[in-house]
Amino acid sequence: MPTVSRTSPPLKRAGQGKGPRRIDGAVLDVRCGSLFLGWSEKRTRGMIARRLIPFRKIGGRIVFLRDELQQWLATLDGCSLGEARANQEARR
């Protein structure tokens, strides 16, 4: 089997960031969006591919708007905060 010569990526220029690019604020990248939702990146990308979650593309890069994700989460089936509190009070 032939060996493949691997070279390391080029060094960053002075003033360039050292870590991975992350957007965390009003706009979230896929990694931060996944952390926000509590899911893996793989699950998030699968939902993006099936267009089950709101997202945007900026220059080919997938991003989420934090407000849209919060609104989307609020529309999912389940128990609202008010209902949960009422249920807790009823059980006491």
PDB file of N, CA and C in Angstrom:
ATOM      1  N   MET A   1       0.842  -1.156   0.000  1.00  0.00           N
ATOM      2  CA  MET A   1       0.000   0.000   0.000  1.00  0.00           C
ATOM      3  C   MET A   1       0.900   1.234   0.000  1.00  0.00           C
ATOM      4  N   PRO A   2       0.670   2.161  -0.927  1.00  0.00           N
ATOM      5  CA  PRO A   2       1.543   3.330  -0.987  1.00  0.00           C
ATOM      6  C   PRO A   2       1.284   4.270   0.193  1.00  0.00           C
ATOM      7  N   THR A   3       2.338   4.912   0.621  1.00  0.00           N
ATOM      8  CA  THR A   3       2.188   5.870   1.716  1.00  0.00           C
ATOM      9  C   THR A   3       1.815   7.230   1.154  1.00  0.00           C
ATOM     10  N   VAL A   4       1.021   7.932   1.903  1.00  0.00           N
ATOM     11  CA  VAL A   4       0.581   9.254   1.486  1.00  0.00           C
ATOM     12  C   VAL A   4       1.274  10.275   2.371  1.00  0.00           C
ATOM     13  N   SER A   5       1.909  11.218   1.734  1.00  0.00           N
ATOM     14  CA  SER A   5       2.577  12.268   2.491  1.00  0.00           C
ATOM     15  C   SER A   5       1.534  13.283   2.935  1.00  0.00           C
ATOM     16  N   ARG A   6       1.482  13.551   4.217  1.00  0.00           N
ATOM     17  CA  ARG A   6       0.511  14.509   4.748  1.00  0.00           C
ATOM     18  C   ARG A   6       1.257  15.732   5.255  1.00  0.00           C
ATOM     19  N   THR A   7       0.753  16.862   4.881  1.00  0.00           N
ATOM     20  CA  THR A   7       1.356  18.093   5.376  1.00  0.00           C
ATOM     21  C   THR A   7       0.370  18.769   6.315  1.00  0.00           C
ATOM     22  N   SER A   8       0.905  19.530   7.227  1.00  0.00           N
ATOM     23  CA  SER A   8       0.030  20.239   8.156  1.00  0.00           C
ATOM     24  C   SER A   8      -0.539  21.473   7.470  1.00  0.00           C
ATOM     25  N   PRO A   9      -1.659  21.978   7.969  1.00  0.00           N
ATOM     26  CA  PRO A   9      -2.243  23.168   7.362  1.00  0.00           C
ATOM     27  C   PRO A   9      -1.315  24.365   7.543  1.00  0.00           C
ATOM     28  N   PRO A  10      -1.456  25.368   6.706  1.00  0.00           N
ATOM     29  CA  PRO A  10      -0.571  26.533   6.829  1.00  0.00           C
ATOM     30  C   PRO A  10      -0.776  27.240   8.164  1.00  0.00           C
ATOM     31  N   LEU A  11       0.280  27.867   8.645  1.00  0.00           N
ATOM     32  CA  LEU A  11       0.199  28.604   9.902  1.00  0.00           C
ATOM     33  C   LEU A  11      -0.651  29.849   9.721  1.00  0.00           C
ATOM     34  N   LYS A  12      -1.309  30.256  10.779  1.00  0.00           N
ATOM     35  CA  LYS A  12      -2.129  31.463  10.715  1.00  0.00           C
ATOM     36  C   LYS A  12      -1.225  32.689  10.763  1.00  0.00           C
ATOM     37  N   ARG A  13      -1.680  33.720  10.104  1.00  0.00           N
ATOM     38  CA  ARG A  13      -0.923  34.968  10.089  1.00  0.00           C
ATOM     39  C   ARG A  13      -1.059  35.691  11.423  1.00  0.00           C
ATOM     40  N   ALA A  14      -0.174  36.636  11.661  1.00  0.00           N
ATOM     41  CA  ALA A  14      -0.215  37.425  12.893  1.00  0.00           C
ATOM     42  C   ALA A  14      -1.554  38.149  12.983  1.00  0.00           C
ATOM     43  N   GLY A  15      -2.173  38.100  14.138  1.00  0.00           N
ATOM     44  CA  GLY A  15      -3.452  38.762  14.335  1.00  0.00           C
ATOM     45  C   GLY A  15      -4.650  37.880  14.042  1.00  0.00           C
ATOM     46  N   GLN A  16      -4.424  36.727  13.420  1.00  0.00           N
ATOM     47  CA  GLN A  16      -5.519  35.809  13.132  1.00  0.00           C
ATOM     48  C   GLN A  16      -5.858  35.024  14.393  1.00  0.00           C
ATOM     49  N   GLY A  17      -7.120  34.671  14.549  1.00  0.00           N
ATOM     50  CA  GLY A  17      -7.549  33.909  15.714  1.00  0.00           C
ATOM     51  C   GLY A  17      -6.879  32.555  15.782  1.00  0.00           C
ATOM     52  N   LYS A  18      -6.762  32.018  16.976  1.00  0.00           N
ATOM     53  CA  LYS A  18      -6.085  30.734  17.172  1.00  0.00           C
ATOM     54  C   LYS A  18      -7.030  29.543  17.183  1.00  0.00           C
ATOM     55  N   GLY A  19      -8.252  29.724  17.678  1.00  0.00           N
ATOM     56  CA  GLY A  19      -9.159  28.594  17.820  1.00  0.00           C
ATOM     57  C   GLY A  19     -10.089  28.448  16.635  1.00  0.00           C
ATOM     58  N   PRO A  20     -11.024  27.519  16.721  1.00  0.00           N
ATOM     59  CA  PRO A  20     -12.004  27.354  15.647  1.00  0.00           C
ATOM     60  C   PRO A  20     -12.929  28.564  15.584  1.00  0.00           C
ATOM     61  N   ARG A  21     -13.462  28.816  14.397  1.00  0.00           N
ATOM     62  CA  ARG A  21     -14.392  29.932  14.246  1.00  0.00           C
ATOM     63  C   ARG A  21     -15.713  29.556  14.885  1.00  0.00           C
ATOM     64  N   ARG A  22     -16.201  30.424  15.751  1.00  0.00           N
ATOM     65  CA  ARG A  22     -17.497  30.189  16.387  1.00  0.00           C
ATOM     66  C   ARG A  22     -18.267  31.487  16.405  1.00  0.00           C
ATOM     67  N   ILE A  23     -19.529  31.363  16.144  1.00  0.00           N
ATOM     68  CA  ILE A  23     -20.422  32.500  16.235  1.00  0.00           C
ATOM     69  C   ILE A  23     -21.371  32.184  17.376  1.00  0.00           C
ATOM     70  N   ASP A  24     -21.406  33.035  18.373  1.00  0.00           N
ATOM     71  CA  ASP A  24     -22.265  32.777  19.525  1.00  0.00           C
ATOM     72  C   ASP A  24     -22.842  34.105  19.996  1.00  0.00           C
ATOM     73  N   GLY A  25     -24.106  34.293  19.770  1.00  0.00           N
ATOM     74  CA  GLY A  25     -24.772  35.544  20.125  1.00  0.00           C
ATOM     75  C   GLY A  25     -26.163  35.511  19.530  1.00  0.00           C
ATOM     76  N   ALA A  26     -26.545  36.550  18.811  1.00  0.00           N
ATOM     77  CA  ALA A  26     -27.845  36.574  18.142  1.00  0.00           C
ATOM     78  C   ALA A  26     -27.845  35.613  16.962  1.00  0.00           C
ATOM     79  N   VAL A  27     -26.652  35.381  16.384  1.00  0.00           N
ATOM     80  CA  VAL A  27     -26.489  34.448  15.268  1.00  0.00           C
ATOM     81  C   VAL A  27     -25.616  33.303  15.761  1.00  0.00           C
ATOM     82  N   LEU A  28     -26.034  32.064  15.485  1.00  0.00           N
ATOM     83  CA  LEU A  28     -25.308  30.881  15.946  1.00  0.00           C
ATOM     84  C   LEU A  28     -24.857  30.054  14.756  1.00  0.00           C
ATOM     85  N   ASP A  29     -23.642  29.517  14.813  1.00  0.00           N
ATOM     86  CA  ASP A  29     -23.230  28.567  13.791  1.00  0.00           C
ATOM     87  C   ASP A  29     -23.785  27.188  14.170  1.00  0.00           C
ATOM     88  N   VAL A  30     -23.477  26.177  13.378  1.00  0.00           N
ATOM     89  CA  VAL A  30     -24.055  24.846  13.619  1.00  0.00           C
ATOM     90  C   VAL A  30     -23.615  24.296  14.976  1.00  0.00           C
ATOM     91  N   ARG A  31     -22.361  24.485  15.323  1.00  0.00           N
ATOM     92  CA  ARG A  31     -21.872  23.959  16.603  1.00  0.00           C
ATOM     93  C   ARG A  31     -22.600  24.616  17.774  1.00  0.00           C
ATOM     94  N   CYS A  32     -22.672  25.941  17.761  1.00  0.00           N
ATOM     95  CA  CYS A  32     -23.337  26.656  18.860  1.00  0.00           C
ATOM     96  C   CYS A  32     -24.841  26.398  18.856  1.00  0.00           C
ATOM     97  N   GLY A  33     -25.434  26.270  17.669  1.00  0.00           N
ATOM     98  CA  GLY A  33     -26.852  25.940  17.585  1.00  0.00           C
ATOM     99  C   GLY A  33     -27.137  24.575  18.185  1.00  0.00           C
ATOM    100  N   SER A  34     -26.242  23.627  17.937  1.00  0.00           N
ATOM    101  CA  SER A  34     -26.393  22.286  18.496  1.00  0.00           C
ATOM    102  C   SER A  34     -26.280  22.317  20.016  1.00  0.00           C
ATOM    103  N   LEU A  35     -25.325  23.079  20.519  1.00  0.00           N
ATOM    104  CA  LEU A  35     -25.181  23.213  21.974  1.00  0.00           C
ATOM    105  C   LEU A  35     -26.414  23.870  22.576  1.00  0.00           C
ATOM    106  N   PHE A  36     -26.933  24.881  21.909  1.00  0.00           N
ATOM    107  CA  PHE A  36     -28.125  25.588  22.381  1.00  0.00           C
ATOM    108  C   PHE A  36     -29.315  24.632  22.473  1.00  0.00           C
ATOM    109  N   LEU A  37     -29.454  23.753  21.469  1.00  0.00           N
ATOM    110  CA  LEU A  37     -30.572  22.813  21.425  1.00  0.00           C
ATOM    111  C   LEU A  37     -30.321  21.558  22.261  1.00  0.00           C
ATOM    112  N   GLY A  38     -29.064  21.310  22.621  1.00  0.00           N
ATOM    113  CA  GLY A  38     -28.733  20.124  23.401  1.00  0.00           C
ATOM    114  C   GLY A  38     -28.653  18.867  22.559  1.00  0.00           C
ATOM    115  N   TRP A  39     -28.330  19.035  21.278  1.00  0.00           N
ATOM    116  CA  TRP A  39     -28.232  17.910  20.349  1.00  0.00           C
ATOM    117  C   TRP A  39     -26.816  17.809  19.816  1.00  0.00           C
ATOM    118  N   SER A  40     -26.555  16.682  19.128  1.00  0.00           N
ATOM    119  CA  SER A  40     -25.279  16.534  18.441  1.00  0.00           C
ATOM    120  C   SER A  40     -25.310  17.343  17.139  1.00  0.00           C
ATOM    121  N   GLU A  41     -24.121  17.667  16.635  1.00  0.00           N
ATOM    122  CA  GLU A  41     -24.044  18.369  15.350  1.00  0.00           C
ATOM    123  C   GLU A  41     -24.629  17.503  14.236  1.00  0.00           C
ATOM    124  N   LYS A  42     -24.426  16.192  14.330  1.00  0.00           N
ATOM    125  CA  LYS A  42     -24.934  15.289  13.299  1.00  0.00           C
ATOM    126  C   LYS A  42     -26.457  15.357  13.224  1.00  0.00           C
ATOM    127  N   ARG A  43     -27.110  15.350  14.367  1.00  0.00           N
ATOM    128  CA  ARG A  43     -28.577  15.438  14.376  1.00  0.00           C
ATOM    129  C   ARG A  43     -29.031  16.786  13.819  1.00  0.00           C
ATOM    130  N   THR A  44     -28.347  17.852  14.213  1.00  0.00           N
ATOM    131  CA  THR A  44     -28.703  19.186  13.730  1.00  0.00           C
ATOM    132  C   THR A  44     -28.555  19.264  12.220  1.00  0.00           C
ATOM    133  N   ARG A  45     -27.443  18.760  11.690  1.00  0.00           N
ATOM    134  CA  ARG A  45     -27.230  18.796  10.233  1.00  0.00           C
ATOM    135  C   ARG A  45     -28.270  17.945   9.500  1.00  0.00           C
ATOM    136  N   GLY A  46     -28.678  16.835  10.105  1.00  0.00           N
ATOM    137  CA  GLY A  46     -29.728  16.015   9.505  1.00  0.00           C
ATOM    138  C   GLY A  46     -31.052  16.755   9.437  1.00  0.00           C
ATOM    139  N   MET A  47     -31.373  17.489  10.492  1.00  0.00           N
ATOM    140  CA  MET A  47     -32.616  18.265  10.501  1.00  0.00           C
ATOM    141  C   MET A  47     -32.548  19.416   9.498  1.00  0.00           C
ATOM    142  N   ILE A  48     -31.353  19.982   9.327  1.00  0.00           N
ATOM    143  CA  ILE A  48     -31.170  21.030   8.321  1.00  0.00           C
ATOM    144  C   ILE A  48     -31.396  20.443   6.933  1.00  0.00           C
ATOM    145  N   ALA A  49     -30.815  19.279   6.667  1.00  0.00           N
ATOM    146  CA  ALA A  49     -30.947  18.644   5.349  1.00  0.00           C
ATOM    147  C   ALA A  49     -32.405  18.340   5.024  1.00  0.00           C
ATOM    148  N   ARG A  50     -33.183  17.973   6.042  1.00  0.00           N
ATOM    149  CA  ARG A  50     -34.605  17.678   5.827  1.00  0.00           C
ATOM    150  C   ARG A  50     -35.478  18.916   5.990  1.00  0.00           C
ATOM    151  N   ARG A  51     -34.836  20.055   6.256  1.00  0.00           N
ATOM    152  CA  ARG A  51     -35.524  21.347   6.424  1.00  0.00           C
ATOM    153  C   ARG A  51     -36.588  21.283   7.520  1.00  0.00           C
ATOM    154  N   LEU A  52     -36.210  20.698   8.661  1.00  0.00           N
ATOM    155  CA  LEU A  52     -37.116  20.581   9.799  1.00  0.00           C
ATOM    156  C   LEU A  52     -36.855  21.642  10.857  1.00  0.00           C
ATOM    157  N   ILE A  53     -35.837  22.441  10.647  1.00  0.00           N
ATOM    158  CA  ILE A  53     -35.433  23.444  11.628  1.00  0.00           C
ATOM    159  C   ILE A  53     -35.122  24.744  10.882  1.00  0.00           C
ATOM    160  N   PRO A  54     -35.463  25.905  11.453  1.00  0.00           N
ATOM    161  CA  PRO A  54     -35.205  27.163  10.743  1.00  0.00           C
ATOM    162  C   PRO A  54     -33.709  27.501  10.709  1.00  0.00           C
ATOM    163  N   PHE A  55     -33.196  27.828   9.526  1.00  0.00           N
ATOM    164  CA  PHE A  55     -31.789  28.196   9.376  1.00  0.00           C
ATOM    165  C   PHE A  55     -31.640  29.181   8.227  1.00  0.00           C
ATOM    166  N   ARG A  56     -30.470  29.764   8.127  1.00  0.00           N
ATOM    167  CA  ARG A  56     -30.123  30.688   7.047  1.00  0.00           C
ATOM    168  C   ARG A  56     -28.771  30.267   6.483  1.00  0.00           C
ATOM    169  N   LYS A  57     -28.472  30.753   5.288  1.00  0.00           N
ATOM    170  CA  LYS A  57     -27.149  30.545   4.709  1.00  0.00           C
ATOM    171  C   LYS A  57     -26.535  31.904   4.424  1.00  0.00           C
ATOM    172  N   ILE A  58     -25.340  32.098   4.923  1.00  0.00           N
ATOM    173  CA  ILE A  58     -24.592  33.319   4.659  1.00  0.00           C
ATOM    174  C   ILE A  58     -23.320  32.896   3.937  1.00  0.00           C
ATOM    175  N   GLY A  59     -23.274  33.157   2.647  1.00  0.00           N
ATOM    176  CA  GLY A  59     -22.095  32.776   1.871  1.00  0.00           C
ATOM    177  C   GLY A  59     -21.803  31.292   1.928  1.00  0.00           C
ATOM    178  N   GLY A  60     -22.822  30.465   1.933  1.00  0.00           N
ATOM    179  CA  GLY A  60     -22.644  29.022   1.986  1.00  0.00           C
ATOM    180  C   GLY A  60     -22.501  28.474   3.399  1.00  0.00           C
ATOM    181  N   ARG A  61     -22.399  29.347   4.379  1.00  0.00           N
ATOM    182  CA  ARG A  61     -22.266  28.914   5.773  1.00  0.00           C
ATOM    183  C   ARG A  61     -23.638  28.898   6.432  1.00  0.00           C
ATOM    184  N   ILE A  62     -23.962  27.810   7.107  1.00  0.00           N
ATOM    185  CA  ILE A  62     -25.265  27.665   7.753  1.00  0.00           C
ATOM    186  C   ILE A  62     -25.219  28.339   9.114  1.00  0.00           C
ATOM    187  N   VAL A  63     -26.223  29.179   9.368  1.00  0.00           N
ATOM    188  CA  VAL A  63     -26.333  29.859  10.660  1.00  0.00           C
ATOM    189  C   VAL A  63     -27.783  29.820  11.122  1.00  0.00           C
ATOM    190  N   PHE A  64     -27.959  30.004  12.419  1.00  0.00           N
ATOM    191  CA  PHE A  64     -29.284  30.080  13.025  1.00  0.00           C
ATOM    192  C   PHE A  64     -29.437  31.441  13.676  1.00  0.00           C
ATOM    193  N   LEU A  65     -30.653  31.946  13.685  1.00  0.00           N
ATOM    194  CA  LEU A  65     -30.965  33.131  14.471  1.00  0.00           C
ATOM    195  C   LEU A  65     -31.513  32.633  15.805  1.00  0.00           C
ATOM    196  N   ARG A  66     -30.900  33.073  16.894  1.00  0.00           N
ATOM    197  CA  ARG A  66     -31.283  32.592  18.227  1.00  0.00           C
ATOM    198  C   ARG A  66     -32.781  32.796  18.479  1.00  0.00           C
ATOM    199  N   ASP A  67     -33.314  33.961  18.096  1.00  0.00           N
ATOM    200  CA  ASP A  67     -34.740  34.244  18.310  1.00  0.00           C
ATOM    201  C   ASP A  67     -35.628  33.259  17.557  1.00  0.00           C
ATOM    202  N   GLU A  68     -35.241  32.916  16.312  1.00  0.00           N
ATOM    203  CA  GLU A  68     -36.040  31.957  15.532  1.00  0.00           C
ATOM    204  C   GLU A  68     -36.020  30.580  16.179  1.00  0.00           C
ATOM    205  N   LEU A  69     -34.863  30.164  16.697  1.00  0.00           N
ATOM    206  CA  LEU A  69     -34.792  28.859  17.365  1.00  0.00           C
ATOM    207  C   LEU A  69     -35.673  28.839  18.610  1.00  0.00           C
ATOM    208  N   GLN A  70     -35.666  29.934  19.371  1.00  0.00           N
ATOM    209  CA  GLN A  70     -36.509  29.991  20.562  1.00  0.00           C
ATOM    210  C   GLN A  70     -37.986  29.955  20.189  1.00  0.00           C
ATOM    211  N   GLN A  71     -38.368  30.665  19.131  1.00  0.00           N
ATOM    212  CA  GLN A  71     -39.765  30.637  18.677  1.00  0.00           C
ATOM    213  C   GLN A  71     -40.134  29.243  18.188  1.00  0.00           C
ATOM    214  N   TRP A  72     -39.215  28.599  17.461  1.00  0.00           N
ATOM    215  CA  TRP A  72     -39.464  27.256  16.943  1.00  0.00           C
ATOM    216  C   TRP A  72     -39.649  26.277  18.104  1.00  0.00           C
ATOM    217  N   LEU A  73     -38.805  26.384  19.132  1.00  0.00           N
ATOM    218  CA  LEU A  73     -38.930  25.501  20.297  1.00  0.00           C
ATOM    219  C   LEU A  73     -40.264  25.705  21.001  1.00  0.00           C
ATOM    220  N   ALA A  74     -40.734  26.940  21.048  1.00  0.00           N
ATOM    221  CA  ALA A  74     -42.004  27.241  21.720  1.00  0.00           C
ATOM    222  C   ALA A  74     -43.192  26.620  20.993  1.00  0.00           C
ATOM    223  N   THR A  75     -43.055  26.342  19.691  1.00  0.00           N
ATOM    224  CA  THR A  75     -44.165  25.770  18.924  1.00  0.00           C
ATOM    225  C   THR A  75     -44.222  24.246  19.004  1.00  0.00           C
ATOM    226  N   LEU A  76     -43.191  23.609  19.556  1.00  0.00           N
ATOM    227  CA  LEU A  76     -43.164  22.148  19.617  1.00  0.00           C
ATOM    228  C   LEU A  76     -44.191  21.632  20.618  1.00  0.00           C
ATOM    229  N   ASP A  77     -44.659  20.399  20.358  1.00  0.00           N
ATOM    230  CA  ASP A  77     -45.612  19.766  21.268  1.00  0.00           C
ATOM    231  C   ASP A  77     -44.967  19.552  22.630  1.00  0.00           C
ATOM    232  N   GLY A  78     -45.794  19.548  23.627  1.00  0.00           N
ATOM    233  CA  GLY A  78     -45.303  19.309  24.977  1.00  0.00           C
ATOM    234  C   GLY A  78     -46.087  20.132  25.970  1.00  0.00           C
ATOM    235  N   CYS A  79     -45.508  20.319  27.104  1.00  0.00           N
ATOM    236  CA  CYS A  79     -46.147  21.016  28.211  1.00  0.00           C
ATOM    237  C   CYS A  79     -45.481  22.379  28.377  1.00  0.00           C
ATOM    238  N   SER A  80     -46.287  23.443  28.428  1.00  0.00           N
ATOM    239  CA  SER A  80     -45.725  24.783  28.607  1.00  0.00           C
ATOM    240  C   SER A  80     -45.312  24.979  30.063  1.00  0.00           C
ATOM    241  N   LEU A  81     -44.592  26.047  30.318  1.00  0.00           N
ATOM    242  CA  LEU A  81     -44.140  26.339  31.675  1.00  0.00           C
ATOM    243  C   LEU A  81     -45.321  26.534  32.621  1.00  0.00           C
ATOM    244  N   GLY A  82     -46.339  27.251  32.172  1.00  0.00           N
ATOM    245  CA  GLY A  82     -47.528  27.467  33.001  1.00  0.00           C
ATOM    246  C   GLY A  82     -48.246  26.168  33.324  1.00  0.00           C
ATOM    247  N   GLU A  83     -48.369  25.286  32.328  1.00  0.00           N
ATOM    248  CA  GLU A  83     -49.019  23.987  32.556  1.00  0.00           C
ATOM    249  C   GLU A  83     -48.221  23.140  33.539  1.00  0.00           C
ATOM    250  N   ALA A  84     -46.887  23.165  33.415  1.00  0.00           N
ATOM    251  CA  ALA A  84     -46.042  22.376  34.311  1.00  0.00           C
ATOM    252  C   ALA A  84     -46.189  22.853  35.753  1.00  0.00           C
ATOM    253  N   ARG A  85     -46.207  24.166  35.940  1.00  0.00           N
ATOM    254  CA  ARG A  85     -46.370  24.700  37.298  1.00  0.00           C
ATOM    255  C   ARG A  85     -47.740  24.350  37.869  1.00  0.00           C
ATOM    256  N   ALA A  86     -48.779  24.437  37.041  1.00  0.00           N
ATOM    257  CA  ALA A  86     -50.126  24.079  37.497  1.00  0.00           C
ATOM    258  C   ALA A  86     -50.184  22.602  37.878  1.00  0.00           C
ATOM    259  N   ASN A  87     -49.522  21.743  37.102  1.00  0.00           N
ATOM    260  CA  ASN A  87     -49.492  20.312  37.409  1.00  0.00           C
ATOM    261  C   ASN A  87     -48.762  20.044  38.721  1.00  0.00           C
ATOM    262  N   GLN A  88     -47.674  20.775  38.963  1.00  0.00           N
ATOM    263  CA  GLN A  88     -46.946  20.603  40.224  1.00  0.00           C
ATOM    264  C   GLN A  88     -47.808  21.013  41.413  1.00  0.00           C
ATOM    265  N   GLU A  89     -48.500  22.117  41.275  1.00  0.00           N
ATOM    266  CA  GLU A  89     -49.368  22.586  42.359  1.00  0.00           C
ATOM    267  C   GLU A  89     -50.502  21.600  42.617  1.00  0.00           C
ATOM    268  N   ALA A  90     -51.042  21.010  41.553  1.00  0.00           N
ATOM    269  CA  ALA A  90     -52.144  20.054  41.693  1.00  0.00           C
ATOM    270  C   ALA A  90     -51.683  18.784  42.406  1.00  0.00           C
ATOM    271  N   ARG A  91     -50.410  18.438  42.303  1.00  0.00           N
ATOM    272  CA  ARG A  91     -49.890  17.215  42.919  1.00  0.00           C
ATOM    273  C   ARG A  91     -49.543  17.399  44.385  1.00  0.00           C
ATOM    274  N   ARG A  92     -49.499  18.631  44.842  1.00  0.00           N
ATOM    275  CA  ARG A  92     -49.133  18.872  46.255  1.00  0.00           C
ATOM    276  C   ARG A  92     -50.272  18.617  47.175  1.00  0.00           C
TER     277      ARG A  92
END
